[in-house]
Amino acid sequence: MKLLKLFFNFYINASIHVAFAVYAFISVTKLYFDLNYQDHFNYFIFFGTITGYNFVKYAGVAKLHHRSLTEDLKIIQIFSFFCFLATCYFATQISIRTLMYTLPFGVLTLLYAVPFLSGFHKNLREVSYLKIIVVAIVWAGFTVLIPVVNAGQEIVLDTVLLFLQRFLIVLVLILPFDIRDVQYDEISLQTIPKKIGVQKTKRLGLGIMVFALLLEYGVNANDISKNVFMIFFFTTLVFLMRSKMNQSKYYSSFWVESLPITWWLLLLGFYNL
C-alpha cells in the first residue's frame, strides 16, 4: 500500500496526470473534427506537457533550494529531463508548420515562470488575473488549434468556436485550484476567489460554463457529442460547487483534472455503442 501511495504521489507531482488531461482534450478535438491519429504528435504534446508543467512548478523551488532538494524533487527533475529529451526527439518527427504554431504558446509558458517584468523580478504568473488567462490560452491552443494545424486542416469558424469553448472550460477547471489556494496565495497575487470571494467565484464559473454550453451548439458536432457534453457540463458544475478552501489533498489535483479524461472516455464509449 505504501508503494502504491508513493507511485500515485509521483504520478500527480510529476505532472503525468496533467499530461493525460491534455491528451484527453486533444483526443476530444480529434473526435469532434474527425482528425487522423498521429503518434508522434501525441507523444510530443504529452512529454512536452510534463516538461513545461514541471518547469513552471519547480523552477523557482530548485533555484532557491538546489543544494537541499528533497529526494522526491530530485527524482522529478531527472524524470523531467528525460521527458524533455523525448519532447525534443518527437519535435523532429512533426512538421515545421506545427512547430511554428506551438512557438507562441511555448513562449507564454516560459514567460509564465521566468521573471521578465518590473526589472526582471516579476513573471506573468504574478500579474493580477493574468495567470488564469495565460493558462487557459495555452491549454486551448495546444488542445484545439495545434491538433487541427498538425492534421493539415484550415482554421475555420468551428475551430475558433471550439478554441473559445476550450478556453472557457479551462478557466472553470482552474477555479477549484484558486479556491483551494486562497489561504496560501500572497496578498499581491489577486486571483478571482481572493478578489471577489468563493461564492461569487462559483457563480462566475456557472455563468462561464453556461456560455460554453451555448458554444457547443454553435460547433458543428453530432448529437452524441452534444449529449456527452451535457454530462460533462453538469459533472464540472458539481465539482466547482463543491470546491472549498479546505478541500481534500487530491480533490483538485486528481479529481478535477480527471474531468477532461472522463469527457474523452464518455465520448469513446458513446461512439462505440
C-alpha atoms as a PDB file:
ATOM      1  CA  MET A   1       0.000   0.000   0.000  1.00  0.00           C
ATOM      2  CA  LYS A   2       2.850   2.374   0.857  1.00  0.00           C
ATOM      3  CA  LEU A   3       4.500   1.689  -2.515  1.00  0.00           C
ATOM      4  CA  LEU A   4       1.220   2.333  -4.310  1.00  0.00           C
ATOM      5  CA  LYS A   5       0.825   5.655  -2.471  1.00  0.00           C
ATOM      6  CA  LEU A   6       4.383   6.674  -3.403  1.00  0.00           C
ATOM      7  CA  PHE A   7       3.700   5.863  -7.048  1.00  0.00           C
ATOM      8  CA  PHE A   8       0.401   7.781  -7.000  1.00  0.00           C
ATOM      9  CA  ASN A   9       2.029  10.845  -5.428  1.00  0.00           C
ATOM     10  CA  PHE A  10       4.762  10.732  -8.069  1.00  0.00           C
ATOM     11  CA  TYR A  11       2.084  10.394 -10.766  1.00  0.00           C
ATOM     12  CA  ILE A  12       0.431  13.594  -9.506  1.00  0.00           C
ATOM     13  CA  ASN A  13       3.520  15.608  -8.528  1.00  0.00           C
ATOM     14  CA  ALA A  14       5.428  14.817 -11.728  1.00  0.00           C
ATOM     15  CA  SER A  15       2.506  16.187 -13.812  1.00  0.00           C
ATOM     16  CA  ILE A  16       1.779  12.860 -15.514  1.00  0.00           C
ATOM     17  CA  HIS A  17      -1.903  13.236 -14.675  1.00  0.00           C
ATOM     18  CA  VAL A  18      -1.922  16.744 -16.181  1.00  0.00           C
ATOM     19  CA  ALA A  19      -0.357  15.338 -19.343  1.00  0.00           C
ATOM     20  CA  PHE A  20      -3.137  12.741 -19.619  1.00  0.00           C
ATOM     21  CA  ALA A  21      -5.719  15.527 -19.165  1.00  0.00           C
ATOM     22  CA  VAL A  22      -4.132  17.483 -22.035  1.00  0.00           C
ATOM     23  CA  TYR A  23      -4.008  14.311 -24.136  1.00  0.00           C
ATOM     24  CA  ALA A  24      -7.713  13.757 -23.387  1.00  0.00           C
ATOM     25  CA  PHE A  25      -8.593  17.288 -24.536  1.00  0.00           C
ATOM     26  CA  ILE A  26      -6.649  16.708 -27.769  1.00  0.00           C
ATOM     27  CA  SER A  27      -8.488  13.419 -28.281  1.00  0.00           C
ATOM     28  CA  VAL A  28     -11.825  15.213 -27.817  1.00  0.00           C
ATOM     29  CA  THR A  29     -10.804  17.704 -30.520  1.00  0.00           C
ATOM     30  CA  LYS A  30      -9.864  14.843 -32.850  1.00  0.00           C
ATOM     31  CA  LEU A  31     -13.246  13.192 -32.313  1.00  0.00           C
ATOM     32  CA  TYR A  32     -15.097  16.469 -32.917  1.00  0.00           C
ATOM     33  CA  PHE A  33     -13.264  17.204 -36.162  1.00  0.00           C
ATOM     34  CA  ASP A  34     -12.546  13.600 -37.218  1.00  0.00           C
ATOM     35  CA  LEU A  35      -8.779  14.207 -37.274  1.00  0.00           C
ATOM     36  CA  ASN A  36      -6.292  11.465 -38.058  1.00  0.00           C
ATOM     37  CA  TYR A  37      -4.490   9.824 -35.139  1.00  0.00           C
ATOM     38  CA  GLN A  38      -0.768  10.672 -35.165  1.00  0.00           C
ATOM     39  CA  ASP A  39       1.532   9.016 -32.630  1.00  0.00           C
ATOM     40  CA  HIS A  40       4.488  11.392 -32.912  1.00  0.00           C
ATOM     41  CA  PHE A  41       2.360  14.473 -32.345  1.00  0.00           C
ATOM     42  CA  ASN A  42       0.609  12.914 -29.335  1.00  0.00           C
ATOM     43  CA  TYR A  43       3.930  11.967 -27.741  1.00  0.00           C
ATOM     44  CA  PHE A  44       5.320  15.437 -28.436  1.00  0.00           C
ATOM     45  CA  ILE A  45       2.431  17.099 -26.598  1.00  0.00           C
ATOM     46  CA  PHE A  46       2.374  14.514 -23.789  1.00  0.00           C
ATOM     47  CA  PHE A  47       6.057  14.752 -22.903  1.00  0.00           C
ATOM     48  CA  GLY A  48       6.075  18.491 -23.612  1.00  0.00           C
ATOM     49  CA  THR A  49       3.264  18.979 -21.082  1.00  0.00           C
ATOM     50  CA  ILE A  50       5.223  17.146 -18.383  1.00  0.00           C
ATOM     51  CA  THR A  51       8.357  19.164 -19.184  1.00  0.00           C
ATOM     52  CA  GLY A  52       6.537  22.513 -19.239  1.00  0.00           C
ATOM     53  CA  TYR A  53       4.432  21.936 -16.142  1.00  0.00           C
ATOM     54  CA  ASN A  54       7.328  20.681 -14.048  1.00  0.00           C
ATOM     55  CA  PHE A  55       9.425  23.632 -15.159  1.00  0.00           C
ATOM     56  CA  VAL A  56       6.686  26.053 -14.115  1.00  0.00           C
ATOM     57  CA  LYS A  57       6.048  24.283 -10.795  1.00  0.00           C
ATOM     58  CA  TYR A  58       9.588  23.569  -9.672  1.00  0.00           C
ATOM     59  CA  ALA A  59      11.947  26.019 -11.382  1.00  0.00           C
ATOM     60  CA  GLY A  60      11.677  28.549  -8.568  1.00  0.00           C
ATOM     61  CA  VAL A  61      11.958  25.895  -5.874  1.00  0.00           C
ATOM     62  CA  ALA A  62      15.032  24.350  -7.467  1.00  0.00           C
ATOM     63  CA  LYS A  63      16.699  27.754  -7.778  1.00  0.00           C
ATOM     64  CA  LEU A  64      16.185  28.571  -4.106  1.00  0.00           C
ATOM     65  CA  HIS A  65      16.946  25.150  -2.662  1.00  0.00           C
ATOM     66  CA  HIS A  66      19.178  23.490  -5.256  1.00  0.00           C
ATOM     67  CA  ARG A  67      21.587  22.181  -2.609  1.00  0.00           C
ATOM     68  CA  SER A  68      18.938  20.787  -0.312  1.00  0.00           C
ATOM     69  CA  LEU A  69      16.375  19.352  -2.715  1.00  0.00           C
ATOM     70  CA  THR A  70      14.283  16.528  -1.349  1.00  0.00           C
ATOM     71  CA  GLU A  71      14.791  13.102  -2.855  1.00  0.00           C
ATOM     72  CA  ASP A  72      11.327  13.255  -4.465  1.00  0.00           C
ATOM     73  CA  LEU A  73      12.093  16.546  -6.195  1.00  0.00           C
ATOM     74  CA  LYS A  74      15.427  15.258  -7.450  1.00  0.00           C
ATOM     75  CA  ILE A  75      13.660  12.256  -8.991  1.00  0.00           C
ATOM     76  CA  ILE A  76      11.080  14.556 -10.610  1.00  0.00           C
ATOM     77  CA  GLN A  77      13.904  16.708 -12.037  1.00  0.00           C
ATOM     78  CA  ILE A  78      15.595  13.647 -13.560  1.00  0.00           C
ATOM     79  CA  PHE A  79      12.255  12.402 -14.895  1.00  0.00           C
ATOM     80  CA  SER A  80      11.513  15.838 -16.379  1.00  0.00           C
ATOM     81  CA  PHE A  81      14.919  15.904 -18.078  1.00  0.00           C
ATOM     82  CA  PHE A  82      14.206  12.623 -19.866  1.00  0.00           C
ATOM     83  CA  CYS A  83      10.743  13.914 -20.808  1.00  0.00           C
ATOM     84  CA  PHE A  84      12.446  17.000 -22.255  1.00  0.00           C
ATOM     85  CA  LEU A  85      14.715  14.779 -24.354  1.00  0.00           C
ATOM     86  CA  ALA A  86      11.665  12.832 -25.558  1.00  0.00           C
ATOM     87  CA  THR A  87       9.924  16.128 -26.431  1.00  0.00           C
ATOM     88  CA  CYS A  88      12.941  17.205 -28.480  1.00  0.00           C
ATOM     89  CA  TYR A  89      13.025  13.880 -30.317  1.00  0.00           C
ATOM     90  CA  PHE A  90       9.330  13.879 -31.218  1.00  0.00           C
ATOM     91  CA  ALA A  91       9.587  17.551 -32.221  1.00  0.00           C
ATOM     92  CA  THR A  92      11.861  16.384 -35.053  1.00  0.00           C
ATOM     93  CA  GLN A  93       9.135  13.992 -36.218  1.00  0.00           C
ATOM     94  CA  ILE A  94       6.403  16.595 -36.777  1.00  0.00           C
ATOM     95  CA  SER A  95       6.079  19.329 -39.387  1.00  0.00           C
ATOM     96  CA  ILE A  96       7.786  22.725 -39.218  1.00  0.00           C
ATOM     97  CA  ARG A  97       4.355  24.338 -39.664  1.00  0.00           C
ATOM     98  CA  THR A  98       3.084  22.637 -36.487  1.00  0.00           C
ATOM     99  CA  LEU A  99       6.198  23.673 -34.571  1.00  0.00           C
ATOM    100  CA  MET A 100       5.760  27.282 -35.689  1.00  0.00           C
ATOM    101  CA  TYR A 101       2.212  27.307 -34.311  1.00  0.00           C
ATOM    102  CA  THR A 102       3.410  25.865 -30.984  1.00  0.00           C
ATOM    103  CA  LEU A 103       6.034  28.605 -30.606  1.00  0.00           C
ATOM    104  CA  PRO A 104       3.834  31.432 -29.212  1.00  0.00           C
ATOM    105  CA  PHE A 105       2.175  29.094 -26.714  1.00  0.00           C
ATOM    106  CA  GLY A 106       5.577  27.748 -25.684  1.00  0.00           C
ATOM    107  CA  VAL A 107       6.855  31.303 -25.150  1.00  0.00           C
ATOM    108  CA  LEU A 108       3.801  32.088 -22.993  1.00  0.00           C
ATOM    109  CA  THR A 109       4.583  29.024 -20.870  1.00  0.00           C
ATOM    110  CA  LEU A 110       8.181  30.176 -20.463  1.00  0.00           C
ATOM    111  CA  LEU A 111       7.208  33.730 -19.512  1.00  0.00           C
ATOM    112  CA  TYR A 112       4.682  32.332 -17.042  1.00  0.00           C
ATOM    113  CA  ALA A 113       7.596  31.132 -14.898  1.00  0.00           C
ATOM    114  CA  VAL A 114      10.576  33.297 -15.902  1.00  0.00           C
ATOM    115  CA  PRO A 115      10.663  36.862 -14.470  1.00  0.00           C
ATOM    116  CA  PHE A 116      10.889  39.497 -17.206  1.00  0.00           C
ATOM    117  CA  LEU A 117       8.697  42.344 -15.875  1.00  0.00           C
ATOM    118  CA  SER A 118       9.462  45.094 -13.317  1.00  0.00           C
ATOM    119  CA  GLY A 119      13.205  44.843 -13.651  1.00  0.00           C
ATOM    120  CA  PHE A 120      13.141  41.063 -14.139  1.00  0.00           C
ATOM    121  CA  HIS A 121      11.510  40.466 -10.751  1.00  0.00           C
ATOM    122  CA  LYS A 122       8.028  39.552 -11.958  1.00  0.00           C
ATOM    123  CA  ASN A 123       6.593  36.927 -14.317  1.00  0.00           C
ATOM    124  CA  LEU A 124       3.153  36.536 -15.911  1.00  0.00           C
ATOM    125  CA  ARG A 125       2.024  34.340 -13.036  1.00  0.00           C
ATOM    126  CA  GLU A 126       2.376  37.281 -10.657  1.00  0.00           C
ATOM    127  CA  VAL A 127       0.289  39.719 -12.731  1.00  0.00           C
ATOM    128  CA  SER A 128      -3.209  40.099 -11.307  1.00  0.00           C
ATOM    129  CA  TYR A 129      -5.818  37.995 -13.163  1.00  0.00           C
ATOM    130  CA  LEU A 130      -3.359  37.217 -15.978  1.00  0.00           C
ATOM    131  CA  LYS A 131      -2.346  33.841 -14.527  1.00  0.00           C
ATOM    132  CA  ILE A 132      -5.664  32.128 -15.229  1.00  0.00           C
ATOM    133  CA  ILE A 133      -5.982  33.692 -18.711  1.00  0.00           C
ATOM    134  CA  VAL A 134      -2.480  32.639 -19.799  1.00  0.00           C
ATOM    135  CA  VAL A 135      -3.008  29.041 -18.648  1.00  0.00           C
ATOM    136  CA  ALA A 136      -6.381  28.828 -20.418  1.00  0.00           C
ATOM    137  CA  ILE A 137      -4.981  30.263 -23.670  1.00  0.00           C
ATOM    138  CA  VAL A 138      -2.062  27.817 -23.649  1.00  0.00           C
ATOM    139  CA  TRP A 139      -4.286  24.818 -22.966  1.00  0.00           C
ATOM    140  CA  ALA A 140      -6.811  25.856 -25.624  1.00  0.00           C
ATOM    141  CA  GLY A 141      -4.038  26.481 -28.136  1.00  0.00           C
ATOM    142  CA  PHE A 142      -2.307  23.160 -27.614  1.00  0.00           C
ATOM    143  CA  THR A 143      -5.514  21.110 -27.481  1.00  0.00           C
ATOM    144  CA  VAL A 144      -7.549  22.739 -30.277  1.00  0.00           C
ATOM    145  CA  LEU A 145      -5.525  24.871 -32.696  1.00  0.00           C
ATOM    146  CA  ILE A 146      -2.330  22.798 -32.816  1.00  0.00           C
ATOM    147  CA  PRO A 147      -4.049  19.408 -33.479  1.00  0.00           C
ATOM    148  CA  VAL A 148      -6.037  20.994 -36.329  1.00  0.00           C
ATOM    149  CA  VAL A 149      -2.904  22.533 -37.836  1.00  0.00           C
ATOM    150  CA  ASN A 150      -0.965  19.285 -37.428  1.00  0.00           C
ATOM    151  CA  ALA A 151      -3.701  17.404 -39.279  1.00  0.00           C
ATOM    152  CA  GLY A 152      -3.243  19.774 -42.237  1.00  0.00           C
ATOM    153  CA  GLN A 153      -6.667  21.359 -41.880  1.00  0.00           C
ATOM    154  CA  GLU A 154      -7.521  25.030 -42.065  1.00  0.00           C
ATOM    155  CA  ILE A 155      -8.604  27.030 -39.037  1.00  0.00           C
ATOM    156  CA  VAL A 156     -12.283  27.749 -39.728  1.00  0.00           C
ATOM    157  CA  LEU A 157     -15.194  29.079 -37.658  1.00  0.00           C
ATOM    158  CA  ASP A 158     -15.794  25.718 -35.942  1.00  0.00           C
ATOM    159  CA  THR A 159     -12.151  25.676 -34.850  1.00  0.00           C
ATOM    160  CA  VAL A 160     -12.410  29.178 -33.397  1.00  0.00           C
ATOM    161  CA  LEU A 161     -15.627  28.301 -31.553  1.00  0.00           C
ATOM    162  CA  LEU A 162     -14.099  25.135 -30.091  1.00  0.00           C
ATOM    163  CA  PHE A 163     -10.984  27.120 -29.111  1.00  0.00           C
ATOM    164  CA  LEU A 164     -13.151  29.667 -27.303  1.00  0.00           C
ATOM    165  CA  GLN A 165     -15.167  26.922 -25.609  1.00  0.00           C
ATOM    166  CA  ARG A 166     -11.990  25.119 -24.505  1.00  0.00           C
ATOM    167  CA  PHE A 167     -10.592  28.405 -23.182  1.00  0.00           C
ATOM    168  CA  LEU A 168     -13.736  28.902 -21.069  1.00  0.00           C
ATOM    169  CA  ILE A 169     -13.748  25.304 -19.822  1.00  0.00           C
ATOM    170  CA  VAL A 170     -10.126  25.539 -18.681  1.00  0.00           C
ATOM    171  CA  LEU A 171     -10.922  28.812 -16.899  1.00  0.00           C
ATOM    172  CA  VAL A 172     -13.606  26.994 -14.904  1.00  0.00           C
ATOM    173  CA  LEU A 173     -11.364  23.981 -14.195  1.00  0.00           C
ATOM    174  CA  ILE A 174      -8.745  26.325 -12.703  1.00  0.00           C
ATOM    175  CA  LEU A 175     -11.225  27.897 -10.260  1.00  0.00           C
ATOM    176  CA  PRO A 176     -11.237  24.965  -7.757  1.00  0.00           C
ATOM    177  CA  PHE A 177      -7.430  25.261  -7.587  1.00  0.00           C
ATOM    178  CA  ASP A 178      -7.662  29.004  -6.965  1.00  0.00           C
ATOM    179  CA  ILE A 179     -10.318  28.453  -4.299  1.00  0.00           C
ATOM    180  CA  ARG A 180      -8.044  25.908  -2.602  1.00  0.00           C
ATOM    181  CA  ASP A 181      -5.095  28.297  -2.688  1.00  0.00           C
ATOM    182  CA  VAL A 182      -6.876  31.400  -1.336  1.00  0.00           C
ATOM    183  CA  GLN A 183      -5.377  30.856   2.118  1.00  0.00           C
ATOM    184  CA  TYR A 184      -1.873  30.310   0.732  1.00  0.00           C
ATOM    185  CA  ASP A 185      -1.524  32.862  -2.080  1.00  0.00           C
ATOM    186  CA  GLU A 186       0.302  36.085  -1.387  1.00  0.00           C
ATOM    187  CA  ILE A 187      -1.811  39.232  -0.999  1.00  0.00           C
ATOM    188  CA  SER A 188      -0.266  40.661  -4.172  1.00  0.00           C
ATOM    189  CA  LEU A 189      -1.488  37.678  -6.198  1.00  0.00           C
ATOM    190  CA  GLN A 190      -5.059  38.763  -6.928  1.00  0.00           C
ATOM    191  CA  THR A 191      -6.771  35.562  -8.034  1.00  0.00           C
ATOM    192  CA  ILE A 192     -10.507  35.648  -8.734  1.00  0.00           C
ATOM    193  CA  PRO A 193     -11.597  33.991  -5.434  1.00  0.00           C
ATOM    194  CA  LYS A 194      -9.243  36.259  -3.483  1.00  0.00           C
ATOM    195  CA  LYS A 195     -10.755  39.335  -5.121  1.00  0.00           C
ATOM    196  CA  ILE A 196     -14.482  38.559  -5.251  1.00  0.00           C
ATOM    197  CA  GLY A 197     -14.862  35.697  -2.762  1.00  0.00           C
ATOM    198  CA  VAL A 198     -15.522  31.976  -3.098  1.00  0.00           C
ATOM    199  CA  GLN A 199     -19.309  32.104  -3.618  1.00  0.00           C
ATOM    200  CA  LYS A 200     -19.159  34.787  -6.310  1.00  0.00           C
ATOM    201  CA  THR A 201     -16.368  32.806  -7.992  1.00  0.00           C
ATOM    202  CA  LYS A 202     -18.655  29.772  -8.165  1.00  0.00           C
ATOM    203  CA  ARG A 203     -21.446  31.871  -9.675  1.00  0.00           C
ATOM    204  CA  LEU A 204     -18.979  33.276 -12.209  1.00  0.00           C
ATOM    205  CA  GLY A 205     -17.895  29.732 -13.083  1.00  0.00           C
ATOM    206  CA  LEU A 206     -21.526  28.744 -13.574  1.00  0.00           C
ATOM    207  CA  GLY A 207     -22.044  31.632 -15.997  1.00  0.00           C
ATOM    208  CA  ILE A 208     -18.892  30.731 -17.945  1.00  0.00           C
ATOM    209  CA  MET A 209     -19.972  27.087 -18.241  1.00  0.00           C
ATOM    210  CA  VAL A 210     -23.417  28.125 -19.497  1.00  0.00           C
ATOM    211  CA  PHE A 211     -21.698  30.159 -22.216  1.00  0.00           C
ATOM    212  CA  ALA A 212     -19.514  27.124 -23.017  1.00  0.00           C
ATOM    213  CA  LEU A 213     -22.706  25.056 -23.306  1.00  0.00           C
ATOM    214  CA  LEU A 214     -24.186  27.548 -25.780  1.00  0.00           C
ATOM    215  CA  LEU A 215     -20.990  27.348 -27.845  1.00  0.00           C
ATOM    216  CA  GLU A 216     -21.409  23.575 -28.002  1.00  0.00           C
ATOM    217  CA  TYR A 217     -24.483  24.142 -30.160  1.00  0.00           C
ATOM    218  CA  GLY A 218     -22.520  26.503 -32.396  1.00  0.00           C
ATOM    219  CA  VAL A 219     -19.841  23.927 -33.133  1.00  0.00           C
ATOM    220  CA  ASN A 220     -20.720  21.586 -35.970  1.00  0.00           C
ATOM    221  CA  ALA A 221     -20.756  18.465 -33.774  1.00  0.00           C
ATOM    222  CA  ASN A 222     -23.126  15.499 -33.873  1.00  0.00           C
ATOM    223  CA  ASP A 223     -25.850  14.693 -31.331  1.00  0.00           C
ATOM    224  CA  ILE A 224     -23.652  12.180 -29.484  1.00  0.00           C
ATOM    225  CA  SER A 225     -21.036  14.845 -28.786  1.00  0.00           C
ATOM    226  CA  LYS A 226     -23.681  17.307 -27.585  1.00  0.00           C
ATOM    227  CA  ASN A 227     -25.287  14.734 -25.264  1.00  0.00           C
ATOM    228  CA  VAL A 228     -21.927  13.754 -23.772  1.00  0.00           C
ATOM    229  CA  PHE A 229     -21.064  17.415 -23.286  1.00  0.00           C
ATOM    230  CA  MET A 230     -24.199  17.812 -21.196  1.00  0.00           C
ATOM    231  CA  ILE A 231     -22.899  15.105 -18.846  1.00  0.00           C
ATOM    232  CA  PHE A 232     -19.506  16.811 -18.720  1.00  0.00           C
ATOM    233  CA  PHE A 233     -21.214  20.170 -18.144  1.00  0.00           C
ATOM    234  CA  PHE A 234     -23.158  19.024 -15.069  1.00  0.00           C
ATOM    235  CA  THR A 235     -20.234  16.998 -13.671  1.00  0.00           C
ATOM    236  CA  THR A 236     -17.952  20.023 -13.910  1.00  0.00           C
ATOM    237  CA  LEU A 237     -20.520  22.185 -12.146  1.00  0.00           C
ATOM    238  CA  VAL A 238     -20.819  19.652  -9.314  1.00  0.00           C
ATOM    239  CA  PHE A 239     -17.064  19.730  -8.726  1.00  0.00           C
ATOM    240  CA  LEU A 240     -16.993  23.523  -8.947  1.00  0.00           C
ATOM    241  CA  MET A 241     -19.849  23.997  -6.492  1.00  0.00           C
ATOM    242  CA  ARG A 242     -18.328  21.536  -4.019  1.00  0.00           C
ATOM    243  CA  SER A 243     -14.956  23.301  -4.087  1.00  0.00           C
ATOM    244  CA  LYS A 244     -13.788  24.845  -0.836  1.00  0.00           C
ATOM    245  CA  MET A 245     -10.630  26.243   0.685  1.00  0.00           C
ATOM    246  CA  ASN A 246     -10.103  23.242   2.964  1.00  0.00           C
ATOM    247  CA  GLN A 247     -10.565  20.577   0.314  1.00  0.00           C
ATOM    248  CA  SER A 248      -9.010  17.118   0.338  1.00  0.00           C
ATOM    249  CA  LYS A 249      -5.459  16.682  -0.932  1.00  0.00           C
ATOM    250  CA  TYR A 250      -6.428  15.197  -4.283  1.00  0.00           C
ATOM    251  CA  TYR A 251      -9.758  16.980  -4.899  1.00  0.00           C
ATOM    252  CA  SER A 252      -8.347  19.419  -7.465  1.00  0.00           C
ATOM    253  CA  SER A 253      -5.032  17.824  -8.402  1.00  0.00           C
ATOM    254  CA  PHE A 254      -6.625  14.475  -9.278  1.00  0.00           C
ATOM    255  CA  TRP A 255     -10.423  14.588  -9.444  1.00  0.00           C
ATOM    256  CA  VAL A 256     -10.884  17.988 -11.117  1.00  0.00           C
ATOM    257  CA  GLU A 257      -8.029  17.284 -13.520  1.00  0.00           C
ATOM    258  CA  SER A 258      -9.696  13.952 -14.336  1.00  0.00           C
ATOM    259  CA  LEU A 259     -12.725  15.714 -15.838  1.00  0.00           C
ATOM    260  CA  PRO A 260     -11.218  16.071 -19.364  1.00  0.00           C
ATOM    261  CA  ILE A 261     -10.262  12.375 -19.231  1.00  0.00           C
ATOM    262  CA  THR A 262     -13.830  11.499 -18.201  1.00  0.00           C
ATOM    263  CA  TRP A 263     -15.210  13.587 -21.092  1.00  0.00           C
ATOM    264  CA  TRP A 264     -12.980  11.779 -23.588  1.00  0.00           C
ATOM    265  CA  LEU A 265     -13.786   8.299 -22.216  1.00  0.00           C
ATOM    266  CA  LEU A 266     -17.510   9.043 -22.304  1.00  0.00           C
ATOM    267  CA  LEU A 267     -17.215  10.143 -25.928  1.00  0.00           C
ATOM    268  CA  LEU A 268     -15.334   6.943 -26.796  1.00  0.00           C
ATOM    269  CA  GLY A 269     -17.962   4.869 -25.028  1.00  0.00           C
ATOM    270  CA  PHE A 270     -20.928   6.518 -26.710  1.00  0.00           C
ATOM    271  CA  TYR A 271     -19.262   6.450 -30.130  1.00  0.00           C
ATOM    272  CA  ASN A 272     -18.669   2.705 -29.793  1.00  0.00           C
ATOM    273  CA  LEU A 273     -22.178   1.788 -28.625  1.00  0.00           C
END
